[in-house]
Amino acid sequence: MVRMGLENEGYDVHTASSPQEGIELFRNQSKSISLVLLDFCMPVMNGDRVFDCLRRIDPEVPVVLITGFCDDIEAAKRLRNDVRGYLLKPFQLGDLVGKVREIVSFA
């Protein structure tokens, strides 16, 4: 739903089904990626670890954190200080589109 909503707004969207796949996708395509939407609570690896990996690839990558209830709420709170924005689940698609527009512009 998120991908389709952003594509309907004219954005090119890449998706990954696991943290490892997302890191690899970013490693291979970081030059063409303007923004990363990062869920904090994921299996195998939480968003703070993924964020660190992404920042090692590109220290300037803008990230929007998406979070809901999570076991490691303190880590999620710390990470919120390092990202360009965040959305709390559940969120409206319009809120996401607005946040993406704030950060990414069609030049």
PDB file of N, CA and C in Angstrom:
ATOM      1  N   MET A   1       0.814  -1.178   0.000  1.00  0.00           N
ATOM      2  CA  MET A   1       0.000   0.000   0.000  1.00  0.00           C
ATOM      3  C   MET A   1       0.870   1.259   0.000  1.00  0.00           C
ATOM      4  N   VAL A   2       1.911   1.275   0.813  1.00  0.00           N
ATOM      5  CA  VAL A   2       2.816   2.425   0.863  1.00  0.00           C
ATOM      6  C   VAL A   2       3.481   2.624  -0.486  1.00  0.00           C
ATOM      7  N   ARG A   3       4.007   1.539  -1.050  1.00  0.00           N
ATOM      8  CA  ARG A   3       4.667   1.641  -2.355  1.00  0.00           C
ATOM      9  C   ARG A   3       3.714   2.188  -3.404  1.00  0.00           C
ATOM     10  N   MET A   4       2.517   1.633  -3.485  1.00  0.00           N
ATOM     11  CA  MET A   4       1.553   2.079  -4.492  1.00  0.00           C
ATOM     12  C   MET A   4       1.163   3.538  -4.267  1.00  0.00           C
ATOM     13  N   GLY A   5       0.975   3.931  -3.030  1.00  0.00           N
ATOM     14  CA  GLY A   5       0.613   5.308  -2.738  1.00  0.00           C
ATOM     15  C   GLY A   5       1.693   6.287  -3.172  1.00  0.00           C
ATOM     16  N   LEU A   6       2.953   5.955  -2.908  1.00  0.00           N
ATOM     17  CA  LEU A   6       4.054   6.832  -3.306  1.00  0.00           C
ATOM     18  C   LEU A   6       4.259   6.824  -4.819  1.00  0.00           C
ATOM     19  N   GLU A   7       4.103   5.658  -5.438  1.00  0.00           N
ATOM     20  CA  GLU A   7       4.214   5.599  -6.901  1.00  0.00           C
ATOM     21  C   GLU A   7       3.114   6.423  -7.553  1.00  0.00           C
ATOM     22  N   ASN A   8       1.911   6.415  -6.982  1.00  0.00           N
ATOM     23  CA  ASN A   8       0.816   7.229  -7.520  1.00  0.00           C
ATOM     24  C   ASN A   8       1.115   8.721  -7.423  1.00  0.00           C
ATOM     25  N   GLU A   9       2.005   9.096  -6.512  1.00  0.00           N
ATOM     26  CA  GLU A   9       2.420  10.498  -6.363  1.00  0.00           C
ATOM     27  C   GLU A   9       3.622  10.828  -7.241  1.00  0.00           C
ATOM     28  N   GLY A  10       4.103   9.848  -8.020  1.00  0.00           N
ATOM     29  CA  GLY A  10       5.198  10.088  -8.951  1.00  0.00           C
ATOM     30  C   GLY A  10       6.569   9.679  -8.468  1.00  0.00           C
ATOM     31  N   TYR A  11       6.666   9.058  -7.304  1.00  0.00           N
ATOM     32  CA  TYR A  11       7.956   8.632  -6.781  1.00  0.00           C
ATOM     33  C   TYR A  11       8.324   7.255  -7.304  1.00  0.00           C
ATOM     34  N   ASP A  12       9.618   7.043  -7.572  1.00  0.00           N
ATOM     35  CA  ASP A  12      10.140   5.712  -7.868  1.00  0.00           C
ATOM     36  C   ASP A  12      10.425   5.052  -6.524  1.00  0.00           C
ATOM     37  N   VAL A  13       9.918   3.843  -6.342  1.00  0.00           N
ATOM     38  CA  VAL A  13      10.018   3.184  -5.040  1.00  0.00           C
ATOM     39  C   VAL A  13      10.680   1.822  -5.203  1.00  0.00           C
ATOM     40  N   HIS A  14      11.667   1.558  -4.359  1.00  0.00           N
ATOM     41  CA  HIS A  14      12.286   0.238  -4.261  1.00  0.00           C
ATOM     42  C   HIS A  14      11.843  -0.336  -2.923  1.00  0.00           C
ATOM     43  N   THR A  15      11.563  -1.618  -2.883  1.00  0.00           N
ATOM     44  CA  THR A  15      11.170  -2.248  -1.628  1.00  0.00           C
ATOM     45  C   THR A  15      12.095  -3.413  -1.310  1.00  0.00           C
ATOM     46  N   ALA A  16      12.184  -3.718  -0.033  1.00  0.00           N
ATOM     47  CA  ALA A  16      12.964  -4.862   0.429  1.00  0.00           C
ATOM     48  C   ALA A  16      12.118  -5.606   1.448  1.00  0.00           C
ATOM     49  N   SER A  17      12.228  -6.920   1.457  1.00  0.00           N
ATOM     50  CA  SER A  17      11.412  -7.724   2.359  1.00  0.00           C
ATOM     51  C   SER A  17      12.154  -8.136   3.625  1.00  0.00           C
ATOM     52  N   SER A  18      13.415  -7.726   3.762  1.00  0.00           N
ATOM     53  CA  SER A  18      14.171  -8.028   4.979  1.00  0.00           C
ATOM     54  C   SER A  18      15.214  -6.933   5.181  1.00  0.00           C
ATOM     55  N   PRO A  19      15.696  -6.780   6.399  1.00  0.00           N
ATOM     56  CA  PRO A  19      16.749  -5.789   6.638  1.00  0.00           C
ATOM     57  C   PRO A  19      17.988  -6.030   5.767  1.00  0.00           C
ATOM     58  N   GLN A  20      18.404  -7.271   5.658  1.00  0.00           N
ATOM     59  CA  GLN A  20      19.588  -7.587   4.870  1.00  0.00           C
ATOM     60  C   GLN A  20      19.382  -7.219   3.402  1.00  0.00           C
ATOM     61  N   GLU A  21      18.213  -7.527   2.862  1.00  0.00           N
ATOM     62  CA  GLU A  21      17.910  -7.198   1.477  1.00  0.00           C
ATOM     63  C   GLU A  21      17.902  -5.681   1.279  1.00  0.00           C
ATOM     64  N   GLY A  22      17.379  -4.951   2.246  1.00  0.00           N
ATOM     65  CA  GLY A  22      17.351  -3.495   2.156  1.00  0.00           C
ATOM     66  C   GLY A  22      18.745  -2.892   2.179  1.00  0.00           C
ATOM     67  N   ILE A  23      19.608  -3.403   3.031  1.00  0.00           N
ATOM     68  CA  ILE A  23      20.985  -2.905   3.101  1.00  0.00           C
ATOM     69  C   ILE A  23      21.700  -3.177   1.790  1.00  0.00           C
ATOM     70  N   GLU A  24      21.532  -4.365   1.255  1.00  0.00           N
ATOM     71  CA  GLU A  24      22.177  -4.709  -0.016  1.00  0.00           C
ATOM     72  C   GLU A  24      21.634  -3.853  -1.155  1.00  0.00           C
ATOM     73  N   LEU A  25      20.342  -3.656  -1.199  1.00  0.00           N
ATOM     74  CA  LEU A  25      19.734  -2.799  -2.215  1.00  0.00           C
ATOM     75  C   LEU A  25      20.310  -1.384  -2.119  1.00  0.00           C
ATOM     76  N   PHE A  26      20.421  -0.865  -0.910  1.00  0.00           N
ATOM     77  CA  PHE A  26      20.974   0.474  -0.730  1.00  0.00           C
ATOM     78  C   PHE A  26      22.443   0.522  -1.123  1.00  0.00           C
ATOM     79  N   ARG A  27      23.192  -0.500  -0.775  1.00  0.00           N
ATOM     80  CA  ARG A  27      24.610  -0.558  -1.143  1.00  0.00           C
ATOM     81  C   ARG A  27      24.756  -0.480  -2.671  1.00  0.00           C
ATOM     82  N   ASN A  28      23.908  -1.178  -3.389  1.00  0.00           N
ATOM     83  CA  ASN A  28      24.009  -1.229  -4.847  1.00  0.00           C
ATOM     84  C   ASN A  28      23.416  -0.016  -5.548  1.00  0.00           C
ATOM     85  N   GLN A  29      22.479   0.677  -4.907  1.00  0.00           N
ATOM     86  CA  GLN A  29      21.765   1.751  -5.601  1.00  0.00           C
ATOM     87  C   GLN A  29      21.743   3.070  -4.823  1.00  0.00           C
ATOM     88  N   SER A  30      22.623   3.250  -3.882  1.00  0.00           N
ATOM     89  CA  SER A  30      22.565   4.425  -3.008  1.00  0.00           C
ATOM     90  C   SER A  30      22.622   5.743  -3.769  1.00  0.00           C
ATOM     91  N   LYS A  31      23.301   5.781  -4.889  1.00  0.00           N
ATOM     92  CA  LYS A  31      23.414   7.032  -5.658  1.00  0.00           C
ATOM     93  C   LYS A  31      22.081   7.472  -6.239  1.00  0.00           C
ATOM     94  N   SER A  32      21.155   6.540  -6.428  1.00  0.00           N
ATOM     95  CA  SER A  32      19.860   6.892  -7.016  1.00  0.00           C
ATOM     96  C   SER A  32      18.730   6.915  -5.977  1.00  0.00           C
ATOM     97  N   ILE A  33      19.061   6.762  -4.704  1.00  0.00           N
ATOM     98  CA  ILE A  33      18.048   6.743  -3.642  1.00  0.00           C
ATOM     99  C   ILE A  33      18.091   8.064  -2.890  1.00  0.00           C
ATOM    100  N   SER A  34      16.951   8.751  -2.858  1.00  0.00           N
ATOM    101  CA  SER A  34      16.868  10.067  -2.226  1.00  0.00           C
ATOM    102  C   SER A  34      16.390  10.010  -0.782  1.00  0.00           C
ATOM    103  N   LEU A  35      15.765   8.913  -0.404  1.00  0.00           N
ATOM    104  CA  LEU A  35      15.174   8.806   0.925  1.00  0.00           C
ATOM    105  C   LEU A  35      14.950   7.337   1.255  1.00  0.00           C
ATOM    106  N   VAL A  36      15.163   6.986   2.520  1.00  0.00           N
ATOM    107  CA  VAL A  36      14.887   5.630   2.993  1.00  0.00           C
ATOM    108  C   VAL A  36      13.772   5.705   4.021  1.00  0.00           C
ATOM    109  N   LEU A  37      12.749   4.895   3.827  1.00  0.00           N
ATOM    110  CA  LEU A  37      11.707   4.692   4.837  1.00  0.00           C
ATOM    111  C   LEU A  37      12.107   3.451   5.608  1.00  0.00           C
ATOM    112  N   LEU A  38      12.315   3.589   6.896  1.00  0.00           N
ATOM    113  CA  LEU A  38      12.864   2.509   7.701  1.00  0.00           C
ATOM    114  C   LEU A  38      11.938   2.165   8.849  1.00  0.00           C
ATOM    115  N   ASP A  39      11.458   0.939   8.842  1.00  0.00           N
ATOM    116  CA  ASP A  39      10.659   0.442   9.961  1.00  0.00           C
ATOM    117  C   ASP A  39      11.618   0.108  11.097  1.00  0.00           C
ATOM    118  N   PHE A  40      11.253   0.464  12.317  1.00  0.00           N
ATOM    119  CA  PHE A  40      12.156   0.187  13.425  1.00  0.00           C
ATOM    120  C   PHE A  40      12.095  -1.273  13.867  1.00  0.00           C
ATOM    121  N   CYS A  41      10.915  -1.814  14.029  1.00  0.00           N
ATOM    122  CA  CYS A  41      10.768  -3.181  14.541  1.00  0.00           C
ATOM    123  C   CYS A  41      10.675  -4.171  13.392  1.00  0.00           C
ATOM    124  N   MET A  42      11.755  -4.914  13.207  1.00  0.00           N
ATOM    125  CA  MET A  42      11.815  -5.911  12.143  1.00  0.00           C
ATOM    126  C   MET A  42      12.427  -7.181  12.708  1.00  0.00           C
ATOM    127  N   PRO A  43      12.138  -8.303  12.080  1.00  0.00           N
ATOM    128  CA  PRO A  43      12.774  -9.545  12.534  1.00  0.00           C
ATOM    129  C   PRO A  43      14.264  -9.529  12.210  1.00  0.00           C
ATOM    130  N   VAL A  44      15.035 -10.174  12.996  1.00  0.00           N
ATOM    131  CA  VAL A  44      16.471 -10.385  12.829  1.00  0.00           C
ATOM    132  C   VAL A  44      17.305  -9.150  13.200  1.00  0.00           C
ATOM    133  N   MET A  45      16.904  -7.968  12.730  1.00  0.00           N
ATOM    134  CA  MET A  45      17.714  -6.774  12.935  1.00  0.00           C
ATOM    135  C   MET A  45      16.787  -5.566  13.081  1.00  0.00           C
ATOM    136  N   ASN A  46      16.899  -4.823  14.176  1.00  0.00           N
ATOM    137  CA  ASN A  46      16.081  -3.637  14.369  1.00  0.00           C
ATOM    138  C   ASN A  46      16.590  -2.470  13.530  1.00  0.00           C
ATOM    139  N   GLY A  47      15.764  -1.460  13.445  1.00  0.00           N
ATOM    140  CA  GLY A  47      16.055  -0.300  12.622  1.00  0.00           C
ATOM    141  C   GLY A  47      17.321   0.439  13.004  1.00  0.00           C
ATOM    142  N   ASP A  48      17.698   0.432  14.283  1.00  0.00           N
ATOM    143  CA  ASP A  48      18.916   1.139  14.660  1.00  0.00           C
ATOM    144  C   ASP A  48      20.153   0.495  14.042  1.00  0.00           C
ATOM    145  N   ARG A  49      20.179  -0.805  13.961  1.00  0.00           N
ATOM    146  CA  ARG A  49      21.315  -1.495  13.319  1.00  0.00           C
ATOM    147  C   ARG A  49      21.305  -1.266  11.817  1.00  0.00           C
ATOM    148  N   VAL A  50      20.130  -1.303  11.208  1.00  0.00           N
ATOM    149  CA  VAL A  50      20.031  -1.039   9.768  1.00  0.00           C
ATOM    150  C   VAL A  50      20.474   0.397   9.490  1.00  0.00           C
ATOM    151  N   PHE A  51      20.009   1.338  10.304  1.00  0.00           N
ATOM    152  CA  PHE A  51      20.382   2.736  10.147  1.00  0.00           C
ATOM    153  C   PHE A  51      21.900   2.894  10.171  1.00  0.00           C
ATOM    154  N   ASP A  52      22.569   2.245  11.109  1.00  0.00           N
ATOM    155  CA  ASP A  52      24.030   2.314  11.183  1.00  0.00           C
ATOM    156  C   ASP A  52      24.680   1.785   9.903  1.00  0.00           C
ATOM    157  N   CYS A  53      24.163   0.694   9.374  1.00  0.00           N
ATOM    158  CA  CYS A  53      24.696   0.134   8.126  1.00  0.00           C
ATOM    159  C   CYS A  53      24.498   1.101   6.960  1.00  0.00           C
ATOM    160  N   LEU A  54      23.312   1.699   6.880  1.00  0.00           N
ATOM    161  CA  LEU A  54      23.044   2.650   5.803  1.00  0.00           C
ATOM    162  C   LEU A  54      23.966   3.858   5.903  1.00  0.00           C
ATOM    163  N   ARG A  55      24.181   4.347   7.099  1.00  0.00           N
ATOM    164  CA  ARG A  55      25.038   5.522   7.305  1.00  0.00           C
ATOM    165  C   ARG A  55      26.502   5.225   6.988  1.00  0.00           C
ATOM    166  N   ARG A  56      26.928   3.977   7.137  1.00  0.00           N
ATOM    167  CA  ARG A  56      28.296   3.627   6.737  1.00  0.00           C
ATOM    168  C   ARG A  56      28.435   3.676   5.218  1.00  0.00           C
ATOM    169  N   ILE A  57      27.357   3.383   4.516  1.00  0.00           N
ATOM    170  CA  ILE A  57      27.373   3.441   3.048  1.00  0.00           C
ATOM    171  C   ILE A  57      27.279   4.885   2.577  1.00  0.00           C
ATOM    172  N   ASP A  58      26.374   5.654   3.161  1.00  0.00           N
ATOM    173  CA  ASP A  58      26.175   7.064   2.802  1.00  0.00           C
ATOM    174  C   ASP A  58      25.802   7.836   4.068  1.00  0.00           C
ATOM    175  N   PRO A  59      26.752   8.554   4.648  1.00  0.00           N
ATOM    176  CA  PRO A  59      26.497   9.264   5.904  1.00  0.00           C
ATOM    177  C   PRO A  59      25.416  10.339   5.816  1.00  0.00           C
ATOM    178  N   GLU A  60      25.063  10.755   4.621  1.00  0.00           N
ATOM    179  CA  GLU A  60      24.085  11.830   4.443  1.00  0.00           C
ATOM    180  C   GLU A  60      22.693  11.338   4.058  1.00  0.00           C
ATOM    181  N   VAL A  61      22.487  10.032   3.989  1.00  0.00           N
ATOM    182  CA  VAL A  61      21.198   9.510   3.530  1.00  0.00           C
ATOM    183  C   VAL A  61      20.072   9.984   4.448  1.00  0.00           C
ATOM    184  N   PRO A  62      19.041  10.616   3.863  1.00  0.00           N
ATOM    185  CA  PRO A  62      17.896  10.979   4.698  1.00  0.00           C
ATOM    186  C   PRO A  62      17.035   9.745   4.982  1.00  0.00           C
ATOM    187  N   VAL A  63      16.630   9.619   6.231  1.00  0.00           N
ATOM    188  CA  VAL A  63      15.840   8.465   6.666  1.00  0.00           C
ATOM    189  C   VAL A  63      14.604   8.954   7.402  1.00  0.00           C
ATOM    190  N   VAL A  64      13.462   8.360   7.069  1.00  0.00           N
ATOM    191  CA  VAL A  64      12.231   8.556   7.830  1.00  0.00           C
ATOM    192  C   VAL A  64      11.974   7.262   8.580  1.00  0.00           C
ATOM    193  N   LEU A  65      11.878   7.360   9.886  1.00  0.00           N
ATOM    194  CA  LEU A  65      11.656   6.205  10.744  1.00  0.00           C
ATOM    195  C   LEU A  65      10.156   5.972  10.902  1.00  0.00           C
ATOM    196  N   ILE A  66       9.755   4.738  10.726  1.00  0.00           N
ATOM    197  CA  ILE A  66       8.366   4.338  10.937  1.00  0.00           C
ATOM    198  C   ILE A  66       8.371   3.389  12.127  1.00  0.00           C
ATOM    199  N   THR A  67       7.578   3.686  13.128  1.00  0.00           N
ATOM    200  CA  THR A  67       7.622   2.863  14.328  1.00  0.00           C
ATOM    201  C   THR A  67       6.247   2.748  14.967  1.00  0.00           C
ATOM    202  N   GLY A  68       6.074   1.690  15.646  1.00  0.00           N
ATOM    203  CA  GLY A  68       4.878   1.451  16.440  1.00  0.00           C
ATOM    204  C   GLY A  68       5.336   0.903  17.768  1.00  0.00           C
ATOM    205  N   PHE A  69       4.576  -0.003  18.350  1.00  0.00           N
ATOM    206  CA  PHE A  69       4.999  -0.643  19.589  1.00  0.00           C
ATOM    207  C   PHE A  69       6.208  -1.518  19.308  1.00  0.00           C
ATOM    208  N   CYS A  70       7.189  -1.445  20.181  1.00  0.00           N
ATOM    209  CA  CYS A  70       8.415  -2.205  19.984  1.00  0.00           C
ATOM    210  C   CYS A  70       9.011  -2.556  21.338  1.00  0.00           C
ATOM    211  N   ASP A  71       9.694  -3.686  21.407  1.00  0.00           N
ATOM    212  CA  ASP A  71      10.338  -4.105  22.649  1.00  0.00           C
ATOM    213  C   ASP A  71      11.445  -3.138  23.072  1.00  0.00           C
ATOM    214  N   ASP A  72      12.167  -2.580  22.110  1.00  0.00           N
ATOM    215  CA  ASP A  72      13.303  -1.710  22.416  1.00  0.00           C
ATOM    216  C   ASP A  72      12.924  -0.252  22.159  1.00  0.00           C
ATOM    217  N   ILE A  73      11.965   0.246  22.901  1.00  0.00           N
ATOM    218  CA  ILE A  73      11.444   1.591  22.691  1.00  0.00           C
ATOM    219  C   ILE A  73      12.509   2.652  22.957  1.00  0.00           C
ATOM    220  N   GLU A  74      13.437   2.404  23.869  1.00  0.00           N
ATOM    221  CA  GLU A  74      14.495   3.383  24.152  1.00  0.00           C
ATOM    222  C   GLU A  74      15.412   3.557  22.946  1.00  0.00           C
ATOM    223  N   ALA A  75      15.767   2.474  22.276  1.00  0.00           N
ATOM    224  CA  ALA A  75      16.602   2.574  21.071  1.00  0.00           C
ATOM    225  C   ALA A  75      15.849   3.322  19.982  1.00  0.00           C
ATOM    226  N   ALA A  76      14.570   3.075  19.862  1.00  0.00           N
ATOM    227  CA  ALA A  76      13.767   3.788  18.857  1.00  0.00           C
ATOM    228  C   ALA A  76      13.744   5.282  19.162  1.00  0.00           C
ATOM    229  N   LYS A  77      13.621   5.650  20.421  1.00  0.00           N
ATOM    230  CA  LYS A  77      13.615   7.068  20.800  1.00  0.00           C
ATOM    231  C   LYS A  77      14.954   7.722  20.481  1.00  0.00           C
ATOM    232  N   ARG A  78      16.047   7.038  20.759  1.00  0.00           N
ATOM    233  CA  ARG A  78      17.373   7.593  20.451  1.00  0.00           C
ATOM    234  C   ARG A  78      17.533   7.791  18.948  1.00  0.00           C
ATOM    235  N   LEU A  79      17.082   6.832  18.175  1.00  0.00           N
ATOM    236  CA  LEU A  79      17.224   6.907  16.724  1.00  0.00           C
ATOM    237  C   LEU A  79      16.403   8.058  16.148  1.00  0.00           C
ATOM    238  N   ARG A  80      15.282   8.376  16.756  1.00  0.00           N
ATOM    239  CA  ARG A  80      14.434   9.468  16.265  1.00  0.00           C
ATOM    240  C   ARG A  80      15.196  10.784  16.214  1.00  0.00           C
ATOM    241  N   ASN A  81      16.227  10.946  17.034  1.00  0.00           N
ATOM    242  CA  ASN A  81      17.025  12.168  17.013  1.00  0.00           C
ATOM    243  C   ASN A  81      17.956  12.247  15.811  1.00  0.00           C
ATOM    244  N   ASP A  82      18.241  11.117  15.172  1.00  0.00           N
ATOM    245  CA  ASP A  82      19.195  11.070  14.069  1.00  0.00           C
ATOM    246  C   ASP A  82      18.546  11.004  12.694  1.00  0.00           C
ATOM    247  N   VAL A  83      17.255  10.838  12.631  1.00  0.00           N
ATOM    248  CA  VAL A  83      16.578  10.705  11.333  1.00  0.00           C
ATOM    249  C   VAL A  83      15.951  12.038  10.941  1.00  0.00           C
ATOM    250  N   ARG A  84      15.539  12.140   9.667  1.00  0.00           N
ATOM    251  CA  ARG A  84      14.949  13.381   9.162  1.00  0.00           C
ATOM    252  C   ARG A  84      13.488  13.539   9.537  1.00  0.00           C
ATOM    253  N   GLY A  85      12.850  12.452   9.907  1.00  0.00           N
ATOM    254  CA  GLY A  85      11.456  12.496  10.309  1.00  0.00           C
ATOM    255  C   GLY A  85      11.028  11.136  10.801  1.00  0.00           C
ATOM    256  N   TYR A  86       9.844  11.086  11.390  1.00  0.00           N
ATOM    257  CA  TYR A  86       9.325   9.800  11.832  1.00  0.00           C
ATOM    258  C   TYR A  86       7.807   9.835  11.798  1.00  0.00           C
ATOM    259  N   LEU A  87       7.255   8.655  11.654  1.00  0.00           N
ATOM    260  CA  LEU A  87       5.804   8.461  11.663  1.00  0.00           C
ATOM    261  C   LEU A  87       5.484   7.336  12.638  1.00  0.00           C
ATOM    262  N   LEU A  88       4.450   7.527  13.412  1.00  0.00           N
ATOM    263  CA  LEU A  88       3.998   6.496  14.333  1.00  0.00           C
ATOM    264  C   LEU A  88       2.892   5.682  13.678  1.00  0.00           C
ATOM    265  N   LYS A  89       2.990   4.356  13.801  1.00  0.00           N
ATOM    266  CA  LYS A  89       1.947   3.476  13.281  1.00  0.00           C
ATOM    267  C   LYS A  89       0.761   3.494  14.228  1.00  0.00           C
ATOM    268  N   PRO A  90      -0.416   3.383  13.730  1.00  0.00           N
ATOM    269  CA  PRO A  90      -0.800   3.448  12.326  1.00  0.00           C
ATOM    270  C   PRO A  90      -0.798   4.902  11.866  1.00  0.00           C
ATOM    271  N   PHE A  91      -0.483   5.109  10.596  1.00  0.00           N
ATOM    272  CA  PHE A  91      -0.467   6.456  10.044  1.00  0.00           C
ATOM    273  C   PHE A  91      -1.302   6.479   8.772  1.00  0.00           C
ATOM    274  N   GLN A  92      -1.702   7.658   8.393  1.00  0.00           N
ATOM    275  CA  GLN A  92      -2.459   7.843   7.154  1.00  0.00           C
ATOM    276  C   GLN A  92      -1.483   7.996   5.996  1.00  0.00           C
ATOM    277  N   LEU A  93      -1.838   7.466   4.846  1.00  0.00           N
ATOM    278  CA  LEU A  93      -0.984   7.565   3.668  1.00  0.00           C
ATOM    279  C   LEU A  93      -0.668   9.031   3.353  1.00  0.00           C
ATOM    280  N   GLY A  94      -1.629   9.906   3.542  1.00  0.00           N
ATOM    281  CA  GLY A  94      -1.399  11.328   3.286  1.00  0.00           C
ATOM    282  C   GLY A  94      -0.313  11.909   4.180  1.00  0.00           C
ATOM    283  N   ASP A  95      -0.219  11.422   5.411  1.00  0.00           N
ATOM    284  CA  ASP A  95       0.839  11.879   6.310  1.00  0.00           C
ATOM    285  C   ASP A  95       2.209  11.450   5.799  1.00  0.00           C
ATOM    286  N   LEU A  96       2.282  10.218   5.301  1.00  0.00           N
ATOM    287  CA  LEU A  96       3.534   9.718   4.744  1.00  0.00           C
ATOM    288  C   LEU A  96       3.923  10.527   3.513  1.00  0.00           C
ATOM    289  N   VAL A  97       2.985  10.726   2.613  1.00  0.00           N
ATOM    290  CA  VAL A  97       3.262  11.492   1.390  1.00  0.00           C
ATOM    291  C   VAL A  97       3.735  12.900   1.756  1.00  0.00           C
ATOM    292  N   GLY A  98       3.095  13.517   2.735  1.00  0.00           N
ATOM    293  CA  GLY A  98       3.506  14.852   3.166  1.00  0.00           C
ATOM    294  C   GLY A  98       4.918  14.873   3.708  1.00  0.00           C
ATOM    295  N   LYS A  99       5.269  13.849   4.499  1.00  0.00           N
ATOM    296  CA  LYS A  99       6.617  13.767   5.055  1.00  0.00           C
ATOM    297  C   LYS A  99       7.645  13.571   3.956  1.00  0.00           C
ATOM    298  N   VAL A 100       7.330  12.708   2.976  1.00  0.00           N
ATOM    299  CA  VAL A 100       8.243  12.478   1.859  1.00  0.00           C
ATOM    300  C   VAL A 100       8.418  13.772   1.071  1.00  0.00           C
ATOM    301  N   ARG A 101       7.341  14.495   0.825  1.00  0.00           N
ATOM    302  CA  ARG A 101       7.424  15.774   0.093  1.00  0.00           C
ATOM    303  C   ARG A 101       8.300  16.786   0.822  1.00  0.00           C
ATOM    304  N   GLU A 102       8.231  16.784   2.160  1.00  0.00           N
ATOM    305  CA  GLU A 102       9.070  17.699   2.943  1.00  0.00           C
ATOM    306  C   GLU A 102      10.556  17.468   2.675  1.00  0.00           C
ATOM    307  N   ILE A 103      10.912  16.220   2.448  1.00  0.00           N
ATOM    308  CA  ILE A 103      12.325  15.841   2.377  1.00  0.00           C
ATOM    309  C   ILE A 103      12.833  15.718   0.948  1.00  0.00           C
ATOM    310  N   VAL A 104      11.994  15.207   0.061  1.00  0.00           N
ATOM    311  CA  VAL A 104      12.417  14.944  -1.310  1.00  0.00           C
ATOM    312  C   VAL A 104      11.634  15.879  -2.242  1.00  0.00           C
ATOM    313  N   SER A 105      12.351  16.537  -3.100  1.00  0.00           N
ATOM    314  CA  SER A 105      11.663  17.358  -4.097  1.00  0.00           C
ATOM    315  C   SER A 105      12.051  16.874  -5.487  1.00  0.00           C
ATOM    316  N   PHE A 106      11.143  17.055  -6.397  1.00  0.00           N
ATOM    317  CA  PHE A 106      11.450  16.726  -7.791  1.00  0.00           C
ATOM    318  C   PHE A 106      12.210  17.900  -8.372  1.00  0.00           C
ATOM    319  N   ALA A 107      13.499  17.733  -8.579  1.00  0.00           N
ATOM    320  CA  ALA A 107      14.336  18.842  -9.086  1.00  0.00           C
ATOM    321  C   ALA A 107      14.298  18.914 -10.598  1.00  0.00           C
TER     322      ALA A 107
END
